[in-house]
Amino acid sequence: MGNLNCNAASCVNNCDDHCCLNSICVDGSSACECDDTCCSDYQHKKDSSTNMFHMPKDSLSISCEATNCIYNFNKKCDADHVDISGIKATTEKDTVCATFQAQK
């Protein structure tokens, strides 16, 4: 379970820079840098609505398709802390895993 912060305030699952889902998936199977990754669970708010049925999670399960990342262990993120960035996001492709670090 990873500690996650997310600044994609336009996502319906974002609650004060925390995700209210139990798990997310980071896409980017051929990623070489963080711009090649994204949060596949991003859902753009249609208005000012939020996910009212869930509370922000301090830690959640993070599956990861970015197999070139040093934190990827059997397609699970092994980082102690993960930052998802997407300040101006309107689609999942506008988000990135800012924690991504390519293997050398």
N, C-alpha and C. Protein backbone atom coordinates (compact mmCIF):
# COMPACT_ATOMS: atom_id res chain seq x y z
N MET A 1 0.84 -1.18 0.00
CA MET A 1 0.00 0.00 0.00
C MET A 1 0.88 1.24 0.00
N GLY A 2 0.59 2.16 -0.89
CA GLY A 2 1.38 3.36 -1.00
C GLY A 2 0.65 4.59 -0.51
N ASN A 3 1.41 5.56 -0.05
CA ASN A 3 0.88 6.84 0.34
C ASN A 3 0.84 7.68 -0.93
N LEU A 4 -0.30 8.25 -1.28
CA LEU A 4 -0.46 8.93 -2.56
C LEU A 4 -1.01 10.34 -2.38
N ASN A 5 -0.39 11.30 -3.05
CA ASN A 5 -0.93 12.64 -3.18
C ASN A 5 -1.24 12.85 -4.66
N CYS A 6 -2.31 13.57 -4.92
CA CYS A 6 -2.72 13.82 -6.30
C CYS A 6 -3.20 15.26 -6.41
N ASN A 7 -2.60 16.03 -7.33
CA ASN A 7 -3.04 17.41 -7.50
C ASN A 7 -3.96 17.58 -8.72
N ALA A 8 -4.50 16.48 -9.24
CA ALA A 8 -5.46 16.56 -10.34
C ALA A 8 -6.84 16.88 -9.75
N ALA A 9 -7.01 18.14 -9.35
CA ALA A 9 -8.24 18.57 -8.69
C ALA A 9 -9.47 18.42 -9.58
N SER A 10 -9.28 18.30 -10.87
CA SER A 10 -10.41 18.15 -11.80
C SER A 10 -10.92 16.71 -11.88
N CYS A 11 -10.29 15.79 -11.13
CA CYS A 11 -10.73 14.39 -11.11
C CYS A 11 -11.84 14.21 -10.08
N VAL A 12 -12.86 13.50 -10.44
CA VAL A 12 -13.99 13.28 -9.55
C VAL A 12 -13.58 12.49 -8.30
N ASN A 13 -12.47 11.76 -8.37
CA ASN A 13 -12.02 10.96 -7.24
C ASN A 13 -11.03 11.70 -6.33
N ASN A 14 -10.75 12.98 -6.63
CA ASN A 14 -9.81 13.76 -5.84
C ASN A 14 -10.54 14.46 -4.70
N CYS A 15 -10.03 14.27 -3.49
CA CYS A 15 -10.58 14.91 -2.30
C CYS A 15 -9.42 15.58 -1.56
N ASP A 16 -9.28 16.89 -1.75
CA ASP A 16 -8.21 17.64 -1.08
C ASP A 16 -6.84 17.05 -1.33
N ASP A 17 -6.50 16.81 -2.58
CA ASP A 17 -5.21 16.28 -3.02
C ASP A 17 -4.94 14.85 -2.59
N HIS A 18 -5.99 14.11 -2.26
CA HIS A 18 -5.89 12.69 -1.96
C HIS A 18 -6.95 11.96 -2.79
N CYS A 19 -6.66 10.74 -3.13
CA CYS A 19 -7.59 9.93 -3.91
C CYS A 19 -8.55 9.21 -2.96
N CYS A 20 -9.80 9.12 -3.35
CA CYS A 20 -10.77 8.43 -2.51
C CYS A 20 -11.07 7.02 -3.01
N LEU A 21 -10.30 6.54 -3.98
CA LEU A 21 -10.44 5.15 -4.43
C LEU A 21 -9.60 4.23 -3.54
N ASN A 22 -9.92 2.95 -3.54
CA ASN A 22 -9.13 1.98 -2.79
C ASN A 22 -7.86 1.59 -3.53
N SER A 23 -7.88 1.75 -4.85
CA SER A 23 -6.72 1.40 -5.66
C SER A 23 -6.73 2.21 -6.95
N ILE A 24 -5.55 2.40 -7.51
CA ILE A 24 -5.41 3.04 -8.82
C ILE A 24 -4.43 2.23 -9.65
N CYS A 25 -4.40 2.53 -10.94
CA CYS A 25 -3.43 1.91 -11.84
C CYS A 25 -2.70 3.01 -12.59
N VAL A 26 -1.37 2.91 -12.58
CA VAL A 26 -0.53 3.82 -13.36
C VAL A 26 -0.22 3.12 -14.68
N ASP A 27 -0.59 3.75 -15.79
CA ASP A 27 -0.29 3.22 -17.12
C ASP A 27 1.04 3.78 -17.61
N GLY A 28 1.64 3.09 -18.55
CA GLY A 28 2.90 3.54 -19.15
C GLY A 28 3.84 2.38 -19.38
N SER A 29 3.35 1.36 -20.05
CA SER A 29 4.15 0.13 -20.22
C SER A 29 5.48 0.37 -20.91
N SER A 30 5.58 1.39 -21.75
CA SER A 30 6.85 1.67 -22.43
C SER A 30 7.48 2.98 -21.93
N ALA A 31 7.11 3.39 -20.72
CA ALA A 31 7.58 4.67 -20.17
C ALA A 31 9.09 4.70 -19.97
N CYS A 32 9.67 5.83 -20.38
CA CYS A 32 11.09 6.09 -20.13
C CYS A 32 11.25 7.32 -19.23
N GLU A 33 10.19 8.07 -19.06
CA GLU A 33 10.16 9.24 -18.18
C GLU A 33 8.73 9.43 -17.67
N CYS A 34 8.57 10.26 -16.66
CA CYS A 34 7.25 10.38 -16.04
C CYS A 34 6.19 10.89 -17.01
N ASP A 35 6.56 11.68 -18.00
CA ASP A 35 5.57 12.16 -18.97
C ASP A 35 4.96 11.03 -19.81
N ASP A 36 5.57 9.86 -19.77
CA ASP A 36 5.06 8.69 -20.50
C ASP A 36 4.08 7.87 -19.65
N THR A 37 3.77 8.34 -18.44
CA THR A 37 2.87 7.62 -17.54
C THR A 37 1.57 8.40 -17.38
N CYS A 38 0.56 7.76 -16.82
CA CYS A 38 -0.69 8.45 -16.49
C CYS A 38 -1.48 7.61 -15.49
N CYS A 39 -2.41 8.25 -14.83
CA CYS A 39 -3.32 7.55 -13.93
C CYS A 39 -4.54 7.11 -14.75
N SER A 40 -4.68 5.81 -14.93
CA SER A 40 -5.78 5.31 -15.76
C SER A 40 -7.14 5.42 -15.07
N ASP A 41 -7.14 5.78 -13.79
CA ASP A 41 -8.40 5.91 -13.05
C ASP A 41 -8.91 7.35 -13.00
N TYR A 42 -8.20 8.27 -13.65
CA TYR A 42 -8.65 9.66 -13.71
C TYR A 42 -10.01 9.73 -14.40
N GLN A 43 -10.94 10.46 -13.78
CA GLN A 43 -12.25 10.72 -14.37
C GLN A 43 -12.54 12.21 -14.20
N HIS A 44 -12.69 12.91 -15.30
CA HIS A 44 -12.90 14.35 -15.27
C HIS A 44 -14.27 14.70 -14.68
N LYS A 45 -14.28 15.68 -13.76
CA LYS A 45 -15.54 16.17 -13.20
C LYS A 45 -16.31 16.90 -14.29
N LYS A 46 -17.57 16.65 -14.37
CA LYS A 46 -18.40 17.34 -15.35
C LYS A 46 -18.83 18.72 -14.84
N ASP A 47 -18.84 18.90 -13.53
CA ASP A 47 -19.16 20.18 -12.90
C ASP A 47 -18.39 20.24 -11.59
N SER A 48 -18.94 20.83 -10.58
CA SER A 48 -18.23 20.93 -9.30
C SER A 48 -18.45 19.72 -8.41
N SER A 49 -18.98 18.63 -8.97
CA SER A 49 -19.27 17.44 -8.18
C SER A 49 -17.99 16.73 -7.76
N THR A 50 -18.10 15.98 -6.67
CA THR A 50 -17.00 15.15 -6.20
C THR A 50 -17.57 13.79 -5.87
N ASN A 51 -16.69 12.85 -5.61
CA ASN A 51 -17.10 11.51 -5.22
C ASN A 51 -17.54 11.58 -3.76
N MET A 52 -18.82 11.76 -3.51
CA MET A 52 -19.34 12.00 -2.17
C MET A 52 -19.47 10.73 -1.34
N PHE A 53 -19.26 9.58 -1.94
CA PHE A 53 -19.50 8.32 -1.25
C PHE A 53 -18.25 7.74 -0.61
N HIS A 54 -17.13 8.37 -0.82
CA HIS A 54 -15.87 7.85 -0.29
C HIS A 54 -15.08 8.96 0.39
N MET A 55 -14.25 8.57 1.29
CA MET A 55 -13.37 9.50 1.98
C MET A 55 -11.96 9.34 1.41
N PRO A 56 -11.15 10.39 1.49
CA PRO A 56 -9.76 10.27 1.01
C PRO A 56 -9.03 9.14 1.72
N LYS A 57 -8.20 8.43 0.97
CA LYS A 57 -7.42 7.32 1.52
C LYS A 57 -6.00 7.80 1.80
N ASP A 58 -5.50 7.48 2.99
CA ASP A 58 -4.11 7.81 3.31
C ASP A 58 -3.15 6.91 2.55
N SER A 59 -3.55 5.68 2.34
CA SER A 59 -2.74 4.77 1.54
C SER A 59 -3.68 3.88 0.75
N LEU A 60 -3.25 3.49 -0.43
CA LEU A 60 -4.07 2.68 -1.30
C LEU A 60 -3.19 1.78 -2.14
N SER A 61 -3.80 0.80 -2.74
CA SER A 61 -3.08 -0.14 -3.60
C SER A 61 -2.82 0.53 -4.95
N ILE A 62 -1.57 0.47 -5.41
CA ILE A 62 -1.21 1.09 -6.68
C ILE A 62 -0.62 0.02 -7.60
N SER A 63 -1.39 -0.35 -8.61
CA SER A 63 -0.84 -1.26 -9.62
C SER A 63 -0.14 -0.39 -10.65
N CYS A 64 0.87 -0.96 -11.31
CA CYS A 64 1.71 -0.16 -12.19
C CYS A 64 2.10 -0.94 -13.43
N GLU A 65 1.78 -0.37 -14.58
CA GLU A 65 2.16 -0.96 -15.86
C GLU A 65 3.52 -0.44 -16.34
N ALA A 66 4.08 0.54 -15.65
CA ALA A 66 5.37 1.12 -16.03
C ALA A 66 6.50 0.22 -15.53
N THR A 67 6.72 -0.87 -16.25
CA THR A 67 7.66 -1.89 -15.80
C THR A 67 9.11 -1.42 -15.81
N ASN A 68 9.40 -0.29 -16.44
CA ASN A 68 10.75 0.26 -16.47
C ASN A 68 11.04 1.14 -15.24
N CYS A 69 10.09 1.29 -14.35
CA CYS A 69 10.26 2.13 -13.17
C CYS A 69 10.97 1.34 -12.06
N ILE A 70 11.86 2.02 -11.34
CA ILE A 70 12.59 1.35 -10.26
C ILE A 70 11.68 0.92 -9.11
N TYR A 71 10.48 1.50 -9.02
CA TYR A 71 9.55 1.16 -7.95
C TYR A 71 8.56 0.05 -8.34
N ASN A 72 8.63 -0.40 -9.58
CA ASN A 72 7.71 -1.43 -10.04
C ASN A 72 8.22 -2.80 -9.59
N PHE A 73 7.41 -3.49 -8.82
CA PHE A 73 7.74 -4.84 -8.36
C PHE A 73 6.56 -5.74 -8.68
N ASN A 74 6.70 -6.55 -9.72
CA ASN A 74 5.61 -7.43 -10.18
C ASN A 74 4.32 -6.66 -10.46
N LYS A 75 4.47 -5.52 -11.14
CA LYS A 75 3.36 -4.65 -11.54
C LYS A 75 2.61 -4.05 -10.36
N LYS A 76 3.29 -3.88 -9.25
CA LYS A 76 2.79 -3.16 -8.09
C LYS A 76 3.81 -2.09 -7.74
N CYS A 77 3.34 -0.93 -7.32
CA CYS A 77 4.26 0.14 -6.94
C CYS A 77 4.79 -0.12 -5.54
N ASP A 78 6.11 -0.03 -5.40
CA ASP A 78 6.79 -0.31 -4.14
C ASP A 78 7.31 0.97 -3.48
N ALA A 79 6.97 2.15 -4.03
CA ALA A 79 7.43 3.42 -3.47
C ALA A 79 6.69 3.71 -2.17
N ASP A 80 7.39 4.33 -1.23
CA ASP A 80 6.76 4.72 0.03
C ASP A 80 5.74 5.84 -0.16
N HIS A 81 6.00 6.69 -1.14
CA HIS A 81 5.12 7.83 -1.41
C HIS A 81 5.03 8.05 -2.92
N VAL A 82 3.83 8.30 -3.42
CA VAL A 82 3.61 8.51 -4.85
C VAL A 82 2.90 9.84 -5.06
N ASP A 83 3.36 10.61 -6.05
CA ASP A 83 2.72 11.86 -6.43
C ASP A 83 2.17 11.72 -7.84
N ILE A 84 0.87 11.93 -7.98
CA ILE A 84 0.24 12.00 -9.29
C ILE A 84 0.02 13.48 -9.58
N SER A 85 0.50 13.92 -10.72
CA SER A 85 0.38 15.32 -11.10
C SER A 85 -0.56 15.47 -12.27
N GLY A 86 -1.38 16.51 -12.22
CA GLY A 86 -2.32 16.78 -13.30
C GLY A 86 -3.11 18.04 -13.03
N ILE A 87 -2.39 19.11 -12.75
CA ILE A 87 -3.04 20.37 -12.35
C ILE A 87 -4.07 20.84 -13.38
N LYS A 88 -3.75 20.70 -14.66
CA LYS A 88 -4.66 21.17 -15.73
C LYS A 88 -5.31 20.00 -16.47
N ALA A 89 -5.41 18.86 -15.83
CA ALA A 89 -5.91 17.65 -16.49
C ALA A 89 -7.38 17.77 -16.91
N THR A 90 -7.64 17.25 -18.11
CA THR A 90 -9.02 17.08 -18.58
C THR A 90 -9.24 15.64 -19.03
N THR A 91 -8.13 14.90 -19.23
CA THR A 91 -8.21 13.48 -19.56
C THR A 91 -7.12 12.76 -18.76
N GLU A 92 -7.18 11.44 -18.73
CA GLU A 92 -6.15 10.68 -18.01
C GLU A 92 -4.76 10.92 -18.58
N LYS A 93 -4.66 11.19 -19.88
CA LYS A 93 -3.36 11.43 -20.52
C LYS A 93 -2.71 12.74 -20.06
N ASP A 94 -3.49 13.61 -19.37
CA ASP A 94 -2.95 14.86 -18.84
C ASP A 94 -2.38 14.67 -17.43
N THR A 95 -2.41 13.45 -16.92
CA THR A 95 -1.85 13.15 -15.60
C THR A 95 -0.53 12.42 -15.78
N VAL A 96 0.33 12.49 -14.77
CA VAL A 96 1.59 11.75 -14.79
C VAL A 96 1.90 11.25 -13.39
N CYS A 97 2.64 10.17 -13.34
CA CYS A 97 3.19 9.70 -12.07
C CYS A 97 4.53 10.42 -11.90
N ALA A 98 4.53 11.45 -11.05
CA ALA A 98 5.74 12.24 -10.85
C ALA A 98 6.80 11.48 -10.06
N THR A 99 6.44 10.35 -9.49
CA THR A 99 7.38 9.53 -8.73
C THR A 99 8.19 8.60 -9.63
N PHE A 100 7.74 8.38 -10.86
CA PHE A 100 8.40 7.49 -11.80
C PHE A 100 9.90 7.81 -11.92
N GLN A 101 10.71 6.76 -11.83
CA GLN A 101 12.15 6.88 -12.09
C GLN A 101 12.56 5.67 -12.92
N ALA A 102 13.10 5.95 -14.10
CA ALA A 102 13.50 4.86 -15.00
C ALA A 102 14.66 4.07 -14.43
N GLN A 103 14.64 2.78 -14.70
CA GLN A 103 15.78 1.94 -14.32
C GLN A 103 16.96 2.30 -15.19
N LYS A 104 18.15 2.19 -14.65
CA LYS A 104 19.35 2.55 -15.39
C LYS A 104 19.87 1.37 -16.16
